[in-house]
Amino acid sequence: MVHVDVAVIGGGVTGLASALALSEAGASVCLLEREPKPGRHTSTHNSGVIHAGLYYPTGSLKARLCVEGRDLLYEFCPKHRVPHTRCGKLVIAADDHEVPALEQLRKKSHENGVPVELVDADFIKSKEPNVRAVAALWSPDSGILEAEALVKALEHLCRDRDVALVVGSPLTGANATEEGIELATPHETFVAATVVNAAGVYADRISEMLGGMPFHIYPCRGEYAELKPSRRSMVNGLVYPLPHASGAGLGVHLAKTTWGSVTLGPTIHYQESKDDYEGGRIPLEAFVEPAQHLLPWVTLSDLQPGGSGIRAKLHGPDQKFADFLIQRDTVNPRVLQAAGIDSPGLTSCLAVGRRVAELWSRSL
């Protein structure tokens, strides 16, 4: 029977970056992905934003790995021809009542070591002439990338490092042995000394299969609208409202992609299904009011339907925050958890991969 040092379950950016870092640390690695190709779900169903690290509780994994991952991405993208731009971001106060909350966000940003600047309406107009706001936080280190290109670059690097990328192969069974964990798919059975759980919205089920610690993933769907092509020139970069007071998300925002479209979203909808992107989607009319909060001139006729994505959250709608779960499993030490990687997961992926590889190396 085939034996490998590490099996990674999940071929999104978290799994790919972990497999790459593990292979660079000297491990023999097999990555299992249930879909026909990597990165078909959360990794490419998002805003594509490179977050600077403004929002997250100081000292949390999200805060630290966002900053580390941001810098790694800005090194990685030009080297591996991933389209991206460090365009900066405005977080706006639409009126005077929102300015105190903007001040609080500036304080948190500074505590996280993230440079931001409180700017006035003239500065906002110089960056985004069509946005109306009394003040904003300017984050110069925020940016955007083409997520599909990032997935392809990581996949290519993994193959170059002799990572066995096995697609179309969901995990169907797992049994403990003296040498590790025997893993079964519809096509093969092999033994891994260590298993990394990077299965996204399915990470809770995979942990149970592996005999690991119990936790629950809450699928949270985010939907997008887009500005019609004739209106795309009205937005230059990234424009955000203040984040939700509930802590559930960063708010419906504008993002100009590397290929020129302008997305508006995502919304927040907790659901039972882990893979329902389309059922019961909200009407396009529901995007008009949040759009007008950022761009007062927007009407329904300026919008068209966009895509949707599903976040893998470790907290439900009644909680404000849950950190990434990146650790050696407390029940089965042969399992390394890389779960609950919601926003800023895309930004943090290379840093998450490094952390997973460090956890593995400590066991040698």
Protein backbone atom coordinates (compact mmCIF):
# COMPACT_ATOMS: atom_id res chain seq x y z
CA MET A 1 0.00 0.00 0.00
CA VAL A 2 1.19 3.51 -0.82
CA HIS A 3 2.38 5.62 2.14
CA VAL A 4 2.83 9.41 2.23
CA ASP A 5 3.99 11.77 4.93
CA VAL A 6 0.98 14.07 4.61
CA ALA A 7 -2.41 13.94 2.93
CA VAL A 8 -4.21 17.25 2.45
CA ILE A 9 -7.99 17.06 2.18
CA GLY A 10 -9.30 19.96 0.10
CA GLY A 11 -7.97 21.67 -3.01
CA GLY A 12 -8.89 25.28 -2.40
CA VAL A 13 -6.23 27.92 -1.80
CA THR A 14 -5.83 26.79 1.83
CA GLY A 15 -5.17 23.19 0.82
CA LEU A 16 -2.97 24.10 -2.14
CA ALA A 17 -0.88 26.56 -0.12
CA SER A 18 -0.55 24.01 2.69
CA ALA A 19 0.50 21.26 0.28
CA LEU A 20 3.07 23.57 -1.31
CA ALA A 21 4.55 24.64 2.04
CA LEU A 22 4.64 21.05 3.29
CA SER A 23 6.43 19.86 0.17
CA GLU A 24 8.95 22.69 0.53
CA ALA A 25 9.50 21.51 4.13
CA GLY A 26 10.46 18.06 2.82
CA ALA A 27 7.21 16.10 3.15
CA SER A 28 5.82 13.71 0.56
CA VAL A 29 2.32 15.07 -0.03
CA CYS A 30 -0.91 13.86 -1.60
CA LEU A 31 -3.80 16.29 -1.99
CA LEU A 32 -7.36 14.99 -2.37
CA GLU A 33 -9.98 17.19 -4.03
CA ARG A 34 -13.55 16.00 -4.55
CA GLU A 35 -14.16 18.27 -7.57
CA PRO A 36 -12.70 17.68 -11.06
CA LYS A 37 -10.25 20.53 -10.54
CA PRO A 38 -8.97 22.58 -7.59
CA GLY A 39 -10.41 25.83 -6.31
CA ARG A 40 -13.95 25.55 -7.63
CA HIS A 41 -15.75 26.76 -4.51
CA THR A 42 -14.96 29.39 -1.86
CA SER A 43 -11.50 30.14 -3.27
CA THR A 44 -12.92 31.56 -6.50
CA HIS A 45 -16.40 32.61 -5.32
CA ASN A 46 -15.43 35.77 -3.46
CA SER A 47 -14.51 39.41 -3.98
CA GLY A 48 -10.85 38.65 -4.74
CA VAL A 49 -9.75 41.33 -2.27
CA ILE A 50 -6.30 41.40 -0.72
CA HIS A 51 -7.17 42.63 2.76
CA ALA A 52 -4.75 44.86 4.63
CA GLY A 53 -5.80 43.63 8.11
CA LEU A 54 -7.98 46.46 9.43
CA TYR A 55 -10.86 44.60 11.01
CA TYR A 56 -9.78 41.62 13.10
CA PRO A 57 -9.23 41.43 16.87
CA THR A 58 -5.65 42.30 17.75
CA GLY A 59 -3.55 39.20 18.30
CA SER A 60 -6.01 36.85 16.61
CA LEU A 61 -4.87 34.47 13.89
CA LYS A 62 -7.01 36.38 11.43
CA ALA A 63 -5.24 39.64 12.28
CA ARG A 64 -1.72 38.19 12.20
CA LEU A 65 -2.07 35.88 9.21
CA CYS A 66 -3.88 38.52 7.19
CA VAL A 67 -0.94 40.92 7.49
CA GLU A 68 1.61 38.17 6.87
CA GLY A 69 -0.41 36.71 4.00
CA ARG A 70 -0.97 40.12 2.41
CA ASP A 71 2.76 40.75 2.18
CA LEU A 72 3.42 37.24 0.88
CA LEU A 73 0.79 37.68 -1.84
CA TYR A 74 2.28 40.97 -2.99
CA GLU A 75 5.59 39.10 -3.43
CA PHE A 76 3.98 36.00 -4.95
CA CYS A 77 1.65 37.57 -7.51
CA PRO A 78 4.16 39.39 -9.74
CA LYS A 79 6.60 36.49 -9.52
CA HIS A 80 3.99 33.99 -10.72
CA ARG A 81 2.06 36.27 -13.09
CA VAL A 82 -1.11 36.47 -11.03
CA PRO A 83 -3.03 39.61 -12.12
CA HIS A 84 -3.38 41.94 -9.15
CA THR A 85 -3.26 45.57 -8.14
CA ARG A 86 -2.48 47.35 -4.87
CA CYS A 87 -5.28 49.82 -5.53
CA GLY A 88 -6.01 50.84 -1.93
CA LYS A 89 -9.40 50.93 -0.24
CA LEU A 90 -11.78 53.55 1.11
CA VAL A 91 -13.94 52.66 4.12
CA ILE A 92 -16.48 55.46 4.12
CA ALA A 93 -18.57 57.37 6.62
CA ALA A 94 -21.66 58.36 4.66
CA ASP A 95 -22.64 60.99 7.25
CA ASP A 96 -21.37 62.55 10.49
CA HIS A 97 -23.05 59.89 12.63
CA GLU A 98 -20.68 57.23 11.21
CA VAL A 99 -17.45 59.14 11.89
CA PRO A 100 -16.99 57.86 15.49
CA ALA A 101 -17.17 54.27 14.22
CA LEU A 102 -14.59 55.17 11.60
CA GLU A 103 -12.33 56.47 14.37
CA GLN A 104 -12.71 53.18 16.24
CA LEU A 105 -11.74 51.25 13.13
CA ARG A 106 -8.69 53.45 12.69
CA LYS A 107 -7.65 52.67 16.26
CA LYS A 108 -8.03 48.92 15.70
CA SER A 109 -6.05 49.15 12.46
CA HIS A 110 -3.16 50.83 14.24
CA GLU A 111 -3.27 48.22 17.02
CA ASN A 112 -2.91 45.58 14.30
CA GLY A 113 0.07 47.39 12.81
CA VAL A 114 -1.85 48.34 9.66
CA PRO A 115 -1.25 51.85 8.28
CA VAL A 116 -4.46 53.76 7.52
CA GLU A 117 -5.27 57.44 7.19
CA LEU A 118 -8.43 59.32 8.08
CA VAL A 119 -9.24 61.39 4.99
CA ASP A 120 -11.78 64.05 4.07
CA ALA A 121 -14.30 64.46 1.28
CA ASP A 122 -11.75 66.08 -1.05
CA PHE A 123 -9.41 63.08 -0.76
CA ILE A 124 -12.33 60.73 -1.38
CA LYS A 125 -13.29 62.68 -4.49
CA SER A 126 -9.71 62.48 -5.80
CA LYS A 127 -9.81 58.68 -5.58
CA GLU A 128 -13.48 57.97 -6.28
CA PRO A 129 -15.20 61.02 -7.84
CA ASN A 130 -18.62 59.36 -7.83
CA VAL A 131 -18.62 58.32 -4.16
CA ARG A 132 -20.29 60.61 -1.67
CA ALA A 133 -18.98 60.53 1.92
CA VAL A 134 -18.04 63.00 4.65
CA ALA A 135 -14.89 61.07 5.65
CA ALA A 136 -13.17 57.74 5.07
CA LEU A 137 -10.32 55.54 6.11
CA TRP A 138 -7.77 55.17 3.33
CA SER A 139 -5.99 51.81 3.38
CA PRO A 140 -3.12 51.98 0.87
CA ASP A 141 -2.14 48.31 1.30
CA SER A 142 -5.50 46.85 0.27
CA GLY A 143 -5.74 45.40 -3.21
CA ILE A 144 -7.39 42.88 -5.48
CA LEU A 145 -6.27 39.82 -7.42
CA GLU A 146 -7.61 37.30 -9.91
CA ALA A 147 -8.46 34.33 -7.69
CA GLU A 148 -8.60 31.81 -10.55
CA ALA A 149 -5.05 32.73 -11.56
CA LEU A 150 -3.87 32.32 -7.96
CA VAL A 151 -5.36 28.82 -7.83
CA LYS A 152 -3.67 27.89 -11.11
CA ALA A 153 -0.32 29.24 -9.95
CA LEU A 154 -0.47 27.28 -6.69
CA GLU A 155 -1.56 24.14 -8.55
CA HIS A 156 1.35 24.49 -10.99
CA LEU A 157 3.86 24.97 -8.15
CA CYS A 158 2.48 21.96 -6.29
CA ARG A 159 2.92 19.78 -9.36
CA ASP A 160 6.46 21.10 -9.79
CA ARG A 161 7.15 20.03 -6.19
CA ASP A 162 5.82 16.51 -6.92
CA VAL A 163 2.67 16.92 -4.86
CA ALA A 164 0.26 14.22 -5.97
CA LEU A 165 -2.88 16.19 -6.85
CA VAL A 166 -5.75 13.71 -7.00
CA VAL A 167 -8.93 15.39 -8.25
CA GLY A 168 -12.41 13.96 -8.50
CA SER A 169 -11.62 11.95 -5.36
CA PRO A 170 -13.72 12.69 -2.27
CA LEU A 171 -12.67 11.08 0.97
CA THR A 172 -15.01 8.14 1.58
CA GLY A 173 -13.41 6.49 4.60
CA ALA A 174 -10.65 6.77 7.18
CA ASN A 175 -9.24 4.22 9.62
CA ALA A 176 -6.48 4.56 12.18
CA THR A 177 -3.47 2.25 11.76
CA GLU A 178 -0.14 1.95 13.56
CA GLU A 179 1.52 3.87 10.74
CA GLY A 180 -1.03 6.64 10.37
CA ILE A 181 -4.50 7.03 8.89
CA GLU A 182 -5.68 4.79 6.07
CA LEU A 183 -7.64 6.95 3.66
CA ALA A 184 -10.10 5.67 1.09
CA THR A 185 -11.51 7.35 -2.02
CA PRO A 186 -13.64 5.85 -4.79
CA HIS A 187 -10.41 5.11 -6.68
CA GLU A 188 -7.67 4.21 -4.19
CA THR A 189 -6.61 3.52 -0.62
CA PHE A 190 -3.38 4.77 0.93
CA VAL A 191 -1.86 5.60 4.31
CA ALA A 192 -0.84 9.07 5.48
CA ALA A 193 1.19 9.64 8.62
CA THR A 194 -0.50 13.04 9.00
CA VAL A 195 -3.70 14.43 7.50
CA VAL A 196 -4.42 18.13 6.99
CA ASN A 197 -8.12 18.98 7.08
CA ALA A 198 -8.53 21.89 4.66
CA ALA A 199 -11.96 20.86 3.44
CA GLY A 200 -13.71 24.25 3.64
CA VAL A 201 -17.45 23.98 4.25
CA TYR A 202 -17.04 20.20 4.68
CA ALA A 203 -14.27 20.45 7.29
CA ASP A 204 -16.59 19.48 10.16
CA ARG A 205 -17.64 16.27 8.39
CA ILE A 206 -14.06 15.44 7.43
CA SER A 207 -12.90 15.96 11.02
CA GLU A 208 -15.54 13.50 12.19
CA MET A 209 -14.44 10.95 9.56
CA LEU A 210 -10.82 11.31 10.68
CA GLY A 211 -11.70 10.78 14.34
CA GLY A 212 -10.81 14.39 15.11
CA MET A 213 -12.21 17.09 17.33
CA PRO A 214 -15.87 18.06 16.98
CA PHE A 215 -16.83 21.46 15.60
CA HIS A 216 -19.54 22.86 13.36
CA ILE A 217 -19.19 24.74 10.08
CA TYR A 218 -21.99 27.22 9.36
CA PRO A 219 -22.40 27.71 5.59
CA CYS A 220 -23.00 31.39 4.92
CA ARG A 221 -23.93 32.40 1.39
CA GLY A 222 -22.94 35.76 -0.02
CA GLU A 223 -24.55 37.04 -3.22
CA TYR A 224 -23.32 39.68 -5.63
CA ALA A 225 -24.69 42.11 -8.14
CA GLU A 226 -22.56 43.93 -10.71
CA LEU A 227 -22.58 47.34 -12.31
CA LYS A 228 -23.52 47.12 -15.96
CA PRO A 229 -20.59 47.54 -18.38
CA SER A 230 -21.60 51.09 -19.25
CA ARG A 231 -21.27 52.08 -15.57
CA ARG A 232 -17.99 50.36 -14.68
CA SER A 233 -15.92 53.51 -15.24
CA MET A 234 -17.70 55.14 -12.30
CA VAL A 235 -15.65 53.07 -9.82
CA ASN A 236 -11.84 52.94 -9.67
CA GLY A 237 -11.00 50.52 -6.87
CA LEU A 238 -12.37 49.30 -3.54
CA VAL A 239 -15.11 51.15 -1.64
CA TYR A 240 -16.48 49.72 1.62
CA PRO A 241 -19.08 50.80 4.16
CA LEU A 242 -18.35 50.38 7.84
CA PRO A 243 -18.42 46.70 8.81
CA HIS A 244 -21.59 45.10 10.17
CA ALA A 245 -22.09 45.84 13.87
CA SER A 246 -23.00 42.15 14.26
CA GLY A 247 -19.50 41.15 13.20
CA ALA A 248 -20.97 38.86 10.55
CA GLY A 249 -19.24 40.55 7.63
CA LEU A 250 -17.57 43.60 6.16
CA GLY A 251 -20.67 44.94 4.44
CA VAL A 252 -21.84 45.11 0.84
CA HIS A 253 -18.94 46.76 -0.94
CA LEU A 254 -17.73 47.76 -4.38
CA ALA A 255 -14.74 46.01 -5.92
CA LYS A 256 -13.29 46.67 -9.35
CA THR A 257 -11.80 43.42 -10.60
CA THR A 258 -8.53 43.04 -12.46
CA TRP A 259 -10.53 42.49 -15.67
CA GLY A 260 -12.63 45.64 -15.24
CA SER A 261 -16.00 44.51 -13.91
CA VAL A 262 -17.38 46.04 -10.69
CA THR A 263 -18.98 43.73 -8.13
CA LEU A 264 -21.37 44.77 -5.39
CA GLY A 265 -21.65 42.43 -2.41
CA PRO A 266 -21.56 40.07 -0.70
CA THR A 267 -24.78 39.76 1.24
CA ILE A 268 -25.07 37.46 4.29
CA HIS A 269 -27.39 34.46 4.48
CA TYR A 270 -26.79 31.51 6.79
CA GLN A 271 -28.14 28.29 5.33
CA GLU A 272 -28.12 24.55 5.92
CA SER A 273 -26.81 23.55 2.50
CA LYS A 274 -23.07 23.48 1.96
CA ASP A 275 -23.29 23.73 -1.81
CA ASP A 276 -26.49 25.58 -2.78
CA TYR A 277 -25.34 28.73 -4.57
CA GLU A 278 -28.60 29.61 -6.33
CA GLY A 279 -31.71 28.48 -4.47
CA GLY A 280 -33.86 31.34 -3.20
CA ARG A 281 -31.49 34.10 -4.23
CA ILE A 282 -32.45 37.63 -3.28
CA PRO A 283 -33.90 39.90 -5.99
CA LEU A 284 -31.69 42.41 -7.74
CA GLU A 285 -33.82 45.20 -6.23
CA ALA A 286 -32.38 44.36 -2.80
CA PHE A 287 -28.97 45.65 -3.91
CA VAL A 288 -30.15 49.14 -4.77
CA GLU A 289 -30.21 50.57 -1.24
CA PRO A 290 -26.74 49.29 -0.17
CA ALA A 291 -25.38 50.45 -3.53
CA GLN A 292 -26.79 53.93 -2.98
CA HIS A 293 -25.08 54.08 0.40
CA LEU A 294 -21.81 54.10 -1.56
CA LEU A 295 -22.91 55.57 -4.91
CA PRO A 296 -26.05 57.74 -4.52
CA TRP A 297 -26.69 57.87 -8.27
CA VAL A 298 -27.23 54.11 -8.67
CA THR A 299 -30.63 52.88 -9.83
CA LEU A 300 -31.92 49.40 -10.55
CA SER A 301 -31.24 49.92 -14.24
CA ASP A 302 -27.49 50.26 -13.46
CA LEU A 303 -27.27 46.75 -11.97
CA GLN A 304 -27.13 43.21 -13.28
CA PRO A 305 -27.01 39.86 -11.44
CA GLY A 306 -23.65 38.60 -10.25
CA GLY A 307 -22.30 35.40 -8.74
CA SER A 308 -22.47 33.95 -5.25
CA GLY A 309 -20.20 32.18 -2.79
CA ILE A 310 -20.43 30.21 0.43
CA ARG A 311 -18.24 31.05 3.42
CA ALA A 312 -17.15 28.32 5.85
CA LYS A 313 -17.80 30.03 9.18
CA LEU A 314 -17.10 28.66 12.66
CA HIS A 315 -19.76 30.90 14.18
CA GLY A 316 -23.45 31.26 13.58
CA PRO A 317 -25.55 34.41 13.12
CA ASP A 318 -25.75 35.04 16.88
CA GLN A 319 -21.98 35.30 17.40
CA LYS A 320 -19.66 38.15 16.42
CA PHE A 321 -16.35 36.44 15.83
CA ALA A 322 -14.63 33.10 15.46
CA ASP A 323 -10.95 32.79 14.67
CA PHE A 324 -9.34 30.47 12.16
CA LEU A 325 -8.90 26.93 13.49
CA ILE A 326 -5.29 26.06 12.66
CA GLN A 327 -3.80 23.59 15.12
CA ARG A 328 -2.92 19.99 15.81
CA ASP A 329 -6.12 18.18 16.60
CA THR A 330 -6.80 17.73 20.33
CA VAL A 331 -8.41 14.30 19.86
CA ASN A 332 -6.40 12.77 17.02
CA PRO A 333 -2.85 14.19 16.94
CA ARG A 334 -2.29 12.78 13.45
CA VAL A 335 -4.72 15.42 12.16
CA LEU A 336 -3.82 19.05 11.52
CA GLN A 337 -6.88 21.29 11.34
CA ALA A 338 -7.01 24.19 8.87
CA ALA A 339 -10.72 24.89 9.21
CA GLY A 340 -13.08 27.84 9.44
CA ILE A 341 -10.98 29.73 6.92
CA ASP A 342 -13.50 32.40 5.96
CA SER A 343 -12.50 36.02 5.28
CA PRO A 344 -9.62 36.93 5.17
CA GLY A 345 -8.84 33.40 4.01
CA LEU A 346 -7.84 34.26 0.44
CA THR A 347 -5.45 36.95 1.67
CA SER A 348 -4.06 34.68 4.38
CA CYS A 349 -3.66 31.48 2.35
CA LEU A 350 0.14 31.53 1.97
CA ALA A 351 0.57 32.38 5.66
CA VAL A 352 -1.88 29.61 6.61
CA GLY A 353 0.15 27.18 4.51
CA ARG A 354 3.33 28.19 6.30
CA ARG A 355 1.70 27.72 9.69
CA VAL A 356 0.45 24.25 8.76
CA ALA A 357 3.94 23.27 7.60
CA GLU A 358 5.42 24.57 10.86
CA LEU A 359 2.95 22.49 12.87
CA TRP A 360 3.95 19.41 10.88
CA SER A 361 7.66 20.08 11.27
CA ARG A 362 7.38 20.30 15.06
CA SER A 363 6.26 16.67 15.16
CA LEU A 364 9.39 15.37 13.41
